[in-house]
Amino acid sequence: MADSSDAMVRLLEVMALLRDPEKGCPWDVEQTFATIAPYTIEEAYEVADAIERNDRIDLRDELGDLLFQVVFHARMAEEKGWFDFDAVATAIREKLVRRHPHVFARASFATAEQRSASWEEHKANERAAAAQRRGNEVPGALGDVPRALPALLRAAKLGRRASRVGFDWPDASGIRAKVNEELAELDAAIAERGAQSRLGNTPAPLDASMPAAHDAVTEELGDVLFTLVNLGRQLDVDAEEALRAANAKFERRFRHMEALARSRGFSLEALSPAEWDALWLESKRAALREEPADKR
């Protein structure tokens, strides 16, 4: 296996050359933290996709792309005199050592719960120290949950943080009832929007000229989604993972439905709702016979 430190040095040298104002790549030179951030998020998702597909070659390549994003940000920070890649690597090494006293300091924990509590205590101390360094007050329970996280992931993280200080449903049945409550409020908002449209107060279909009705439906749908994410948390189900699996299942079955329609000479655009429904049910039955049990 190649020397990892040598490979890292060469990668840093490539990054420095790409950012060289005279000899570098014009596109790389003009980038900023803000313009690169979306690519960083995209590369993280591509790593997750390679893992989900169990593609070891793609995983290697996507991890390289993600590492390049770290190197890119570190290089821009170095140019500003803030810190360099070595400082980034040192900081994460120190954090890992600090958060794992049972490994590096040989601290003893009787239970997994005690170990988890120690982890959370270290994280809380770090958040407080960061707030003090910024001149802010000590953050609350929801402090420093990144706003750039995907919405489902952030909703689950907010729910977990609130739960740690006791703000949570005692069990899944309570939050399941909350789902029904939120769905009823969404139904009411939809009905109100329909009533406004029928009265001629706002045009139909929905457009920018009926913001109040649209805002109410949007808010209530958001409440439904937030509550469902936290129902998943109570059931120990990751909402992001569950939705990805549902997306994949829908895609498999829709492709099967398209193939059925083509084999019978149907035009998808000309199908009636009843014909669509019949094809969907046929595809669903076929998929249930073919899919592994864990994919259903």
C-alpha atoms as a PDB file:
ATOM      1  CA  MET A   1       0.000   0.000   0.000  1.00  0.00           C
ATOM      2  CA  ALA A   2       1.313   3.439  -0.918  1.00  0.00           C
ATOM      3  CA  ASP A   3       2.568   5.827   1.757  1.00  0.00           C
ATOM      4  CA  SER A   4      -0.560   7.787   2.745  1.00  0.00           C
ATOM      5  CA  SER A   5       1.435  10.781   3.961  1.00  0.00           C
ATOM      6  CA  ASP A   6       3.239  11.017   0.619  1.00  0.00           C
ATOM      7  CA  ALA A   7      -0.053  10.754  -1.271  1.00  0.00           C
ATOM      8  CA  MET A   8      -1.518  13.503   0.899  1.00  0.00           C
ATOM      9  CA  VAL A   9       1.455  15.787   0.269  1.00  0.00           C
ATOM     10  CA  ARG A  10       1.087  15.316  -3.480  1.00  0.00           C
ATOM     11  CA  LEU A  11      -2.627  16.064  -3.299  1.00  0.00           C
ATOM     12  CA  LEU A  12      -1.954  19.272  -1.365  1.00  0.00           C
ATOM     13  CA  GLU A  13       0.635  20.257  -3.966  1.00  0.00           C
ATOM     14  CA  VAL A  14      -1.900  19.721  -6.764  1.00  0.00           C
ATOM     15  CA  MET A  15      -4.430  21.875  -4.916  1.00  0.00           C
ATOM     16  CA  ALA A  16      -1.904  24.655  -4.402  1.00  0.00           C
ATOM     17  CA  LEU A  17      -1.060  24.655  -8.112  1.00  0.00           C
ATOM     18  CA  LEU A  18      -4.726  24.706  -9.120  1.00  0.00           C
ATOM     19  CA  ARG A  19      -5.207  27.805  -6.961  1.00  0.00           C
ATOM     20  CA  ASP A  20      -2.063  29.563  -8.185  1.00  0.00           C
ATOM     21  CA  PRO A  21      -3.188  32.970  -9.543  1.00  0.00           C
ATOM     22  CA  GLU A  22      -0.722  32.824 -12.437  1.00  0.00           C
ATOM     23  CA  LYS A  23      -0.272  29.143 -13.277  1.00  0.00           C
ATOM     24  CA  GLY A  24      -3.465  27.636 -11.920  1.00  0.00           C
ATOM     25  CA  CYS A  25      -6.890  26.812 -13.318  1.00  0.00           C
ATOM     26  CA  PRO A  26      -9.023  29.969 -13.780  1.00  0.00           C
ATOM     27  CA  TRP A  27     -12.137  28.191 -12.496  1.00  0.00           C
ATOM     28  CA  ASP A  28     -10.440  26.918  -9.340  1.00  0.00           C
ATOM     29  CA  VAL A  29      -8.828  30.293  -8.688  1.00  0.00           C
ATOM     30  CA  GLU A  30     -12.120  32.189  -8.758  1.00  0.00           C
ATOM     31  CA  GLN A  31     -13.924  29.884  -6.328  1.00  0.00           C
ATOM     32  CA  THR A  32     -14.865  30.870  -2.761  1.00  0.00           C
ATOM     33  CA  PHE A  33     -16.114  28.988   0.294  1.00  0.00           C
ATOM     34  CA  ALA A  34     -19.679  29.853  -0.694  1.00  0.00           C
ATOM     35  CA  THR A  35     -19.363  28.655  -4.287  1.00  0.00           C
ATOM     36  CA  ILE A  36     -17.644  25.402  -3.315  1.00  0.00           C
ATOM     37  CA  ALA A  37     -20.014  24.509  -0.440  1.00  0.00           C
ATOM     38  CA  PRO A  38     -22.771  23.080  -2.706  1.00  0.00           C
ATOM     39  CA  TYR A  39     -20.216  20.771  -4.321  1.00  0.00           C
ATOM     40  CA  THR A  40     -19.085  19.615  -0.888  1.00  0.00           C
ATOM     41  CA  ILE A  41     -22.650  18.638   0.008  1.00  0.00           C
ATOM     42  CA  GLU A  42     -23.125  16.941  -3.369  1.00  0.00           C
ATOM     43  CA  GLU A  43     -19.946  14.887  -2.960  1.00  0.00           C
ATOM     44  CA  ALA A  44     -21.050  13.685   0.472  1.00  0.00           C
ATOM     45  CA  TYR A  45     -24.291  12.427  -1.063  1.00  0.00           C
ATOM     46  CA  GLU A  46     -22.377  10.682  -3.825  1.00  0.00           C
ATOM     47  CA  VAL A  47     -20.345   8.842  -1.179  1.00  0.00           C
ATOM     48  CA  ALA A  48     -23.604   7.728   0.438  1.00  0.00           C
ATOM     49  CA  ASP A  49     -24.924   6.627  -2.953  1.00  0.00           C
ATOM     50  CA  ALA A  50     -21.842   4.488  -3.638  1.00  0.00           C
ATOM     51  CA  ILE A  51     -22.238   2.864  -0.220  1.00  0.00           C
ATOM     52  CA  GLU A  52     -25.917   2.159  -0.880  1.00  0.00           C
ATOM     53  CA  ARG A  53     -25.022   0.545  -4.227  1.00  0.00           C
ATOM     54  CA  ASN A  54     -22.176  -1.413  -2.588  1.00  0.00           C
ATOM     55  CA  ASP A  55     -19.839  -0.244  -5.364  1.00  0.00           C
ATOM     56  CA  ARG A  56     -16.317  -0.376  -3.956  1.00  0.00           C
ATOM     57  CA  ILE A  57     -14.681   1.344  -6.954  1.00  0.00           C
ATOM     58  CA  ASP A  58     -17.148   4.219  -6.942  1.00  0.00           C
ATOM     59  CA  LEU A  59     -16.779   4.476  -3.161  1.00  0.00           C
ATOM     60  CA  ARG A  60     -13.008   4.901  -3.507  1.00  0.00           C
ATOM     61  CA  ASP A  61     -13.460   7.558  -6.183  1.00  0.00           C
ATOM     62  CA  GLU A  62     -16.230   9.406  -4.345  1.00  0.00           C
ATOM     63  CA  LEU A  63     -14.236   9.444  -1.111  1.00  0.00           C
ATOM     64  CA  GLY A  64     -11.426  11.014  -3.122  1.00  0.00           C
ATOM     65  CA  ASP A  65     -13.801  13.666  -4.443  1.00  0.00           C
ATOM     66  CA  LEU A  66     -14.978  14.387  -0.898  1.00  0.00           C
ATOM     67  CA  LEU A  67     -11.398  14.582   0.380  1.00  0.00           C
ATOM     68  CA  PHE A  68     -10.630  17.021  -2.412  1.00  0.00           C
ATOM     69  CA  GLN A  69     -13.426  19.243  -1.105  1.00  0.00           C
ATOM     70  CA  VAL A  70     -11.782  19.304   2.332  1.00  0.00           C
ATOM     71  CA  VAL A  71      -8.432  20.102   0.738  1.00  0.00           C
ATOM     72  CA  PHE A  72     -10.031  22.857  -1.367  1.00  0.00           C
ATOM     73  CA  HIS A  73     -11.582  24.579   1.650  1.00  0.00           C
ATOM     74  CA  ALA A  74      -8.374  24.205   3.667  1.00  0.00           C
ATOM     75  CA  ARG A  75      -6.331  25.729   0.836  1.00  0.00           C
ATOM     76  CA  MET A  76      -8.630  28.765   0.617  1.00  0.00           C
ATOM     77  CA  ALA A  77      -8.380  29.175   4.399  1.00  0.00           C
ATOM     78  CA  GLU A  78      -4.583  28.952   4.212  1.00  0.00           C
ATOM     79  CA  GLU A  79      -4.528  31.682   1.554  1.00  0.00           C
ATOM     80  CA  LYS A  80      -6.444  33.912   3.953  1.00  0.00           C
ATOM     81  CA  GLY A  81      -4.019  33.141   6.781  1.00  0.00           C
ATOM     82  CA  TRP A  82      -6.693  31.378   8.863  1.00  0.00           C
ATOM     83  CA  PHE A  83      -5.404  27.794   9.068  1.00  0.00           C
ATOM     84  CA  ASP A  84      -4.038  25.042   6.802  1.00  0.00           C
ATOM     85  CA  PHE A  85      -4.827  21.384   6.163  1.00  0.00           C
ATOM     86  CA  ASP A  86      -2.493  20.230   8.956  1.00  0.00           C
ATOM     87  CA  ALA A  87      -4.489  22.339  11.406  1.00  0.00           C
ATOM     88  CA  VAL A  88      -7.719  20.729  10.186  1.00  0.00           C
ATOM     89  CA  ALA A  89      -6.270  17.218  10.629  1.00  0.00           C
ATOM     90  CA  THR A  90      -4.836  18.088  14.049  1.00  0.00           C
ATOM     91  CA  ALA A  91      -8.126  19.559  15.255  1.00  0.00           C
ATOM     92  CA  ILE A  92     -10.169  16.475  14.342  1.00  0.00           C
ATOM     93  CA  ARG A  93      -7.532  14.163  15.836  1.00  0.00           C
ATOM     94  CA  GLU A  94      -7.615  16.047  19.128  1.00  0.00           C
ATOM     95  CA  LYS A  95     -11.410  16.075  19.130  1.00  0.00           C
ATOM     96  CA  LEU A  96     -11.593  12.303  18.593  1.00  0.00           C
ATOM     97  CA  VAL A  97      -9.110  11.661  21.402  1.00  0.00           C
ATOM     98  CA  ARG A  98     -10.991  14.025  23.700  1.00  0.00           C
ATOM     99  CA  ARG A  99     -14.366  12.429  22.960  1.00  0.00           C
ATOM    100  CA  HIS A 100     -13.118   8.844  23.458  1.00  0.00           C
ATOM    101  CA  PRO A 101     -11.583   8.775  26.936  1.00  0.00           C
ATOM    102  CA  HIS A 102     -12.499   5.076  27.213  1.00  0.00           C
ATOM    103  CA  VAL A 103     -10.094   4.382  24.332  1.00  0.00           C
ATOM    104  CA  PHE A 104      -7.270   6.891  24.716  1.00  0.00           C
ATOM    105  CA  ALA A 105      -7.357   7.733  28.443  1.00  0.00           C
ATOM    106  CA  ARG A 106      -8.482   4.247  29.437  1.00  0.00           C
ATOM    107  CA  ALA A 107     -11.445   5.646  31.322  1.00  0.00           C
ATOM    108  CA  SER A 108     -13.913   2.995  32.392  1.00  0.00           C
ATOM    109  CA  PHE A 109     -17.663   3.087  31.726  1.00  0.00           C
ATOM    110  CA  ALA A 110     -19.944   0.449  33.168  1.00  0.00           C
ATOM    111  CA  THR A 111     -22.605   0.786  30.467  1.00  0.00           C
ATOM    112  CA  ALA A 112     -23.091   2.024  26.926  1.00  0.00           C
ATOM    113  CA  GLU A 113     -25.401   4.684  28.357  1.00  0.00           C
ATOM    114  CA  GLN A 114     -22.559   6.074  30.493  1.00  0.00           C
ATOM    115  CA  ARG A 115     -20.271   6.123  27.489  1.00  0.00           C
ATOM    116  CA  SER A 116     -22.924   7.956  25.445  1.00  0.00           C
ATOM    117  CA  ALA A 117     -23.466  10.433  28.275  1.00  0.00           C
ATOM    118  CA  SER A 118     -19.733  11.157  28.367  1.00  0.00           C
ATOM    119  CA  TRP A 119     -19.757  11.752  24.597  1.00  0.00           C
ATOM    120  CA  GLU A 120     -22.649  14.202  24.889  1.00  0.00           C
ATOM    121  CA  GLU A 121     -20.984  15.975  27.815  1.00  0.00           C
ATOM    122  CA  HIS A 122     -17.832  16.522  25.764  1.00  0.00           C
ATOM    123  CA  LYS A 123     -19.890  17.827  22.840  1.00  0.00           C
ATOM    124  CA  ALA A 124     -21.806  20.193  25.124  1.00  0.00           C
ATOM    125  CA  ASN A 125     -18.548  21.517  26.588  1.00  0.00           C
ATOM    126  CA  GLU A 126     -17.214  22.081  23.071  1.00  0.00           C
ATOM    127  CA  ARG A 127     -20.368  23.980  22.070  1.00  0.00           C
ATOM    128  CA  ALA A 128     -20.099  26.155  25.171  1.00  0.00           C
ATOM    129  CA  ALA A 129     -16.407  26.858  24.504  1.00  0.00           C
ATOM    130  CA  ALA A 130     -17.190  27.753  20.877  1.00  0.00           C
ATOM    131  CA  ALA A 131     -19.960  30.121  21.980  1.00  0.00           C
ATOM    132  CA  GLN A 132     -17.620  31.796  24.478  1.00  0.00           C
ATOM    133  CA  ARG A 133     -14.946  32.185  21.821  1.00  0.00           C
ATOM    134  CA  ARG A 134     -17.484  33.892  19.528  1.00  0.00           C
ATOM    135  CA  GLY A 135     -18.605  36.166  22.360  1.00  0.00           C
ATOM    136  CA  ASN A 136     -22.075  34.616  22.409  1.00  0.00           C
ATOM    137  CA  GLU A 137     -24.093  33.318  25.279  1.00  0.00           C
ATOM    138  CA  VAL A 138     -23.883  29.594  26.014  1.00  0.00           C
ATOM    139  CA  PRO A 139     -26.052  27.970  23.336  1.00  0.00           C
ATOM    140  CA  GLY A 140     -29.347  26.349  24.205  1.00  0.00           C
ATOM    141  CA  ALA A 141     -30.229  22.720  23.590  1.00  0.00           C
ATOM    142  CA  LEU A 142     -30.700  23.409  19.879  1.00  0.00           C
ATOM    143  CA  GLY A 143     -27.537  25.447  19.497  1.00  0.00           C
ATOM    144  CA  ASP A 144     -25.243  24.796  16.531  1.00  0.00           C
ATOM    145  CA  VAL A 145     -27.576  22.416  14.648  1.00  0.00           C
ATOM    146  CA  PRO A 146     -26.434  23.364  11.131  1.00  0.00           C
ATOM    147  CA  ARG A 147     -29.085  25.081   9.053  1.00  0.00           C
ATOM    148  CA  ALA A 148     -27.593  23.714   5.847  1.00  0.00           C
ATOM    149  CA  LEU A 149     -28.431  20.122   6.780  1.00  0.00           C
ATOM    150  CA  PRO A 150     -31.062  18.405   4.614  1.00  0.00           C
ATOM    151  CA  ALA A 151     -34.444  19.222   6.109  1.00  0.00           C
ATOM    152  CA  LEU A 152     -35.341  15.666   7.156  1.00  0.00           C
ATOM    153  CA  LEU A 153     -31.946  15.140   8.771  1.00  0.00           C
ATOM    154  CA  ARG A 154     -32.116  18.485  10.570  1.00  0.00           C
ATOM    155  CA  ALA A 155     -35.648  17.772  11.836  1.00  0.00           C
ATOM    156  CA  ALA A 156     -34.470  14.503  13.371  1.00  0.00           C
ATOM    157  CA  LYS A 157     -31.445  16.187  14.926  1.00  0.00           C
ATOM    158  CA  LEU A 158     -33.592  18.966  16.409  1.00  0.00           C
ATOM    159  CA  GLY A 159     -35.937  16.340  17.839  1.00  0.00           C
ATOM    160  CA  ARG A 160     -33.060  14.408  19.411  1.00  0.00           C
ATOM    161  CA  ARG A 161     -31.598  17.551  20.948  1.00  0.00           C
ATOM    162  CA  ALA A 162     -34.971  18.543  22.434  1.00  0.00           C
ATOM    163  CA  SER A 163     -35.473  14.997  23.732  1.00  0.00           C
ATOM    164  CA  ARG A 164     -32.204  15.128  25.691  1.00  0.00           C
ATOM    165  CA  VAL A 165     -33.602  17.878  27.909  1.00  0.00           C
ATOM    166  CA  GLY A 166     -36.948  16.103  28.346  1.00  0.00           C
ATOM    167  CA  PHE A 167     -39.029  17.767  25.623  1.00  0.00           C
ATOM    168  CA  ASP A 168     -40.419  14.694  23.883  1.00  0.00           C
ATOM    169  CA  TRP A 169     -43.358  12.346  23.707  1.00  0.00           C
ATOM    170  CA  PRO A 170     -43.099   9.482  26.210  1.00  0.00           C
ATOM    171  CA  ASP A 171     -43.606   6.888  23.457  1.00  0.00           C
ATOM    172  CA  ALA A 172     -44.475   6.481  19.798  1.00  0.00           C
ATOM    173  CA  SER A 173     -48.235   6.368  20.437  1.00  0.00           C
ATOM    174  CA  GLY A 174     -48.251   9.989  21.570  1.00  0.00           C
ATOM    175  CA  ILE A 175     -46.492  11.249  18.479  1.00  0.00           C
ATOM    176  CA  ARG A 176     -48.655   9.006  16.265  1.00  0.00           C
ATOM    177  CA  ALA A 177     -51.683  10.841  17.617  1.00  0.00           C
ATOM    178  CA  LYS A 178     -49.880  14.108  16.861  1.00  0.00           C
ATOM    179  CA  VAL A 179     -49.562  13.004  13.225  1.00  0.00           C
ATOM    180  CA  ASN A 180     -53.360  12.708  13.036  1.00  0.00           C
ATOM    181  CA  GLU A 181     -53.723  16.158  14.604  1.00  0.00           C
ATOM    182  CA  GLU A 182     -51.326  17.720  12.101  1.00  0.00           C
ATOM    183  CA  LEU A 183     -53.039  15.977   9.172  1.00  0.00           C
ATOM    184  CA  ALA A 184     -56.383  17.403  10.327  1.00  0.00           C
ATOM    185  CA  GLU A 185     -54.866  20.896  10.406  1.00  0.00           C
ATOM    186  CA  LEU A 186     -53.478  20.364   6.903  1.00  0.00           C
ATOM    187  CA  ASP A 187     -56.927  19.257   5.685  1.00  0.00           C
ATOM    188  CA  ALA A 188     -58.420  22.423   7.183  1.00  0.00           C
ATOM    189  CA  ALA A 189     -55.865  24.616   5.454  1.00  0.00           C
ATOM    190  CA  ILE A 190     -56.493  22.885   2.117  1.00  0.00           C
ATOM    191  CA  ALA A 191     -60.240  23.311   2.562  1.00  0.00           C
ATOM    192  CA  GLU A 192     -59.792  26.996   3.374  1.00  0.00           C
ATOM    193  CA  ARG A 193     -57.709  27.508   0.261  1.00  0.00           C
ATOM    194  CA  GLY A 194     -60.392  25.783  -1.805  1.00  0.00           C
ATOM    195  CA  ALA A 195     -63.093  27.950  -0.250  1.00  0.00           C
ATOM    196  CA  GLN A 196     -61.183  31.135  -1.078  1.00  0.00           C
ATOM    197  CA  SER A 197     -60.766  29.982  -4.653  1.00  0.00           C
ATOM    198  CA  ARG A 198     -64.473  29.186  -5.058  1.00  0.00           C
ATOM    199  CA  LEU A 199     -65.446  32.578  -3.655  1.00  0.00           C
ATOM    200  CA  GLY A 200     -63.304  34.252  -6.259  1.00  0.00           C
ATOM    201  CA  ASN A 201     -60.975  35.810  -3.711  1.00  0.00           C
ATOM    202  CA  THR A 202     -58.033  34.067  -5.329  1.00  0.00           C
ATOM    203  CA  PRO A 203     -57.595  32.397  -8.659  1.00  0.00           C
ATOM    204  CA  ALA A 204     -57.239  28.679  -9.193  1.00  0.00           C
ATOM    205  CA  PRO A 205     -54.947  26.921  -9.661  1.00  0.00           C
ATOM    206  CA  LEU A 206     -52.665  28.152  -6.914  1.00  0.00           C
ATOM    207  CA  ASP A 207     -50.217  30.871  -7.925  1.00  0.00           C
ATOM    208  CA  ALA A 208     -48.256  33.697  -6.331  1.00  0.00           C
ATOM    209  CA  SER A 209     -51.376  35.891  -6.052  1.00  0.00           C
ATOM    210  CA  MET A 210     -52.780  33.793  -3.198  1.00  0.00           C
ATOM    211  CA  PRO A 211     -49.850  33.794  -0.765  1.00  0.00           C
ATOM    212  CA  ALA A 212     -51.889  33.594   2.443  1.00  0.00           C
ATOM    213  CA  ALA A 213     -53.638  30.360   1.488  1.00  0.00           C
ATOM    214  CA  HIS A 214     -50.433  28.940   0.078  1.00  0.00           C
ATOM    215  CA  ASP A 215     -48.471  29.867   3.207  1.00  0.00           C
ATOM    216  CA  ALA A 216     -51.024  28.169   5.458  1.00  0.00           C
ATOM    217  CA  VAL A 217     -50.945  24.926   3.473  1.00  0.00           C
ATOM    218  CA  THR A 218     -47.135  25.052   3.301  1.00  0.00           C
ATOM    219  CA  GLU A 219     -46.876  25.585   7.058  1.00  0.00           C
ATOM    220  CA  GLU A 220     -49.237  22.736   7.885  1.00  0.00           C
ATOM    221  CA  LEU A 221     -47.545  20.359   5.453  1.00  0.00           C
ATOM    222  CA  GLY A 222     -44.237  21.263   7.093  1.00  0.00           C
ATOM    223  CA  ASP A 223     -45.709  20.411  10.489  1.00  0.00           C
ATOM    224  CA  VAL A 224     -46.844  17.023   9.160  1.00  0.00           C
ATOM    225  CA  LEU A 225     -43.378  16.260   7.774  1.00  0.00           C
ATOM    226  CA  PHE A 226     -41.636  17.398  10.979  1.00  0.00           C
ATOM    227  CA  THR A 227     -43.925  15.223  13.085  1.00  0.00           C
ATOM    228  CA  LEU A 228     -43.419  12.198  10.826  1.00  0.00           C
ATOM    229  CA  VAL A 229     -39.646  12.583  11.100  1.00  0.00           C
ATOM    230  CA  ASN A 230     -39.931  12.528  14.876  1.00  0.00           C
ATOM    231  CA  LEU A 231     -42.267   9.553  14.750  1.00  0.00           C
ATOM    232  CA  GLY A 232     -39.475   7.803  12.882  1.00  0.00           C
ATOM    233  CA  ARG A 233     -37.029   8.880  15.586  1.00  0.00           C
ATOM    234  CA  GLN A 234     -39.275   7.385  18.274  1.00  0.00           C
ATOM    235  CA  LEU A 235     -39.492   4.161  16.268  1.00  0.00           C
ATOM    236  CA  ASP A 236     -35.707   4.144  15.725  1.00  0.00           C
ATOM    237  CA  VAL A 237     -36.190   4.632  11.982  1.00  0.00           C
ATOM    238  CA  ASP A 238     -34.035   7.146  10.099  1.00  0.00           C
ATOM    239  CA  ALA A 239     -36.455   9.274   8.056  1.00  0.00           C
ATOM    240  CA  GLU A 240     -33.865  10.128   5.419  1.00  0.00           C
ATOM    241  CA  GLU A 241     -33.008   6.458   4.929  1.00  0.00           C
ATOM    242  CA  ALA A 242     -36.679   5.454   4.894  1.00  0.00           C
ATOM    243  CA  LEU A 243     -37.498   8.049   2.251  1.00  0.00           C
ATOM    244  CA  ARG A 244     -34.515   7.041   0.109  1.00  0.00           C
ATOM    245  CA  ALA A 245     -35.751   3.443   0.220  1.00  0.00           C
ATOM    246  CA  ALA A 246     -39.276   4.567  -0.706  1.00  0.00           C
ATOM    247  CA  ASN A 247     -37.867   6.598  -3.609  1.00  0.00           C
ATOM    248  CA  ALA A 248     -35.945   3.574  -4.871  1.00  0.00           C
ATOM    249  CA  LYS A 249     -39.014   1.357  -4.573  1.00  0.00           C
ATOM    250  CA  PHE A 250     -41.168   3.868  -6.454  1.00  0.00           C
ATOM    251  CA  GLU A 251     -38.543   4.147  -9.183  1.00  0.00           C
ATOM    252  CA  ARG A 252     -38.278   0.361  -9.610  1.00  0.00           C
ATOM    253  CA  ARG A 253     -42.028  -0.051  -9.859  1.00  0.00           C
ATOM    254  CA  PHE A 254     -42.537   2.936 -12.136  1.00  0.00           C
ATOM    255  CA  ARG A 255     -39.887   1.639 -14.547  1.00  0.00           C
ATOM    256  CA  HIS A 256     -41.632  -1.735 -14.553  1.00  0.00           C
ATOM    257  CA  MET A 257     -44.927  -0.009 -15.292  1.00  0.00           C
ATOM    258  CA  GLU A 258     -43.339   1.903 -18.188  1.00  0.00           C
ATOM    259  CA  ALA A 259     -41.978  -1.345 -19.603  1.00  0.00           C
ATOM    260  CA  LEU A 260     -45.425  -2.952 -19.397  1.00  0.00           C
ATOM    261  CA  ALA A 261     -47.008  -0.012 -21.196  1.00  0.00           C
ATOM    262  CA  ARG A 262     -44.391  -0.056 -23.964  1.00  0.00           C
ATOM    263  CA  SER A 263     -44.730  -3.819 -24.448  1.00  0.00           C
ATOM    264  CA  ARG A 264     -48.455  -3.344 -25.057  1.00  0.00           C
ATOM    265  CA  GLY A 265     -48.060  -0.414 -27.386  1.00  0.00           C
ATOM    266  CA  PHE A 266     -49.552   2.130 -24.945  1.00  0.00           C
ATOM    267  CA  SER A 267     -48.637   5.812 -24.974  1.00  0.00           C
ATOM    268  CA  LEU A 268     -47.991   6.852 -21.380  1.00  0.00           C
ATOM    269  CA  GLU A 269     -49.276  10.365 -22.005  1.00  0.00           C
ATOM    270  CA  ALA A 270     -52.589   9.004 -23.371  1.00  0.00           C
ATOM    271  CA  LEU A 271     -53.392   6.674 -20.465  1.00  0.00           C
ATOM    272  CA  SER A 272     -56.488   7.413 -18.391  1.00  0.00           C
ATOM    273  CA  PRO A 273     -56.299   7.495 -14.580  1.00  0.00           C
ATOM    274  CA  ALA A 274     -57.961   4.081 -14.460  1.00  0.00           C
ATOM    275  CA  GLU A 275     -55.417   2.651 -16.920  1.00  0.00           C
ATOM    276  CA  TRP A 276     -52.546   4.138 -14.930  1.00  0.00           C
ATOM    277  CA  ASP A 277     -53.971   2.591 -11.766  1.00  0.00           C
ATOM    278  CA  ALA A 278     -54.337  -0.839 -13.368  1.00  0.00           C
ATOM    279  CA  LEU A 279     -50.743  -0.757 -14.635  1.00  0.00           C
ATOM    280  CA  TRP A 280     -49.473   0.395 -11.249  1.00  0.00           C
ATOM    281  CA  LEU A 281     -51.245  -2.423  -9.413  1.00  0.00           C
ATOM    282  CA  GLU A 282     -49.918  -4.950 -11.921  1.00  0.00           C
ATOM    283  CA  SER A 283     -46.389  -3.589 -11.508  1.00  0.00           C
ATOM    284  CA  LYS A 284     -46.716  -3.634  -7.738  1.00  0.00           C
ATOM    285  CA  ARG A 285     -47.794  -7.281  -7.753  1.00  0.00           C
ATOM    286  CA  ALA A 286     -44.917  -8.185 -10.070  1.00  0.00           C
ATOM    287  CA  ALA A 287     -42.431  -6.259  -7.945  1.00  0.00           C
ATOM    288  CA  LEU A 288     -43.591  -7.990  -4.761  1.00  0.00           C
ATOM    289  CA  ARG A 289     -42.862 -11.342  -6.397  1.00  0.00           C
ATOM    290  CA  GLU A 290     -39.430 -10.259  -7.589  1.00  0.00           C
ATOM    291  CA  GLU A 291     -38.123  -7.967  -4.850  1.00  0.00           C
ATOM    292  CA  PRO A 292     -36.224  -9.343  -1.851  1.00  0.00           C
ATOM    293  CA  ALA A 293     -38.236  -9.164   1.341  1.00  0.00           C
ATOM    294  CA  ASP A 294     -36.026  -6.401   2.743  1.00  0.00           C
ATOM    295  CA  LYS A 295     -36.752  -4.190  -0.320  1.00  0.00           C
ATOM    296  CA  ARG A 296     -40.560  -4.374  -0.091  1.00  0.00           C
END
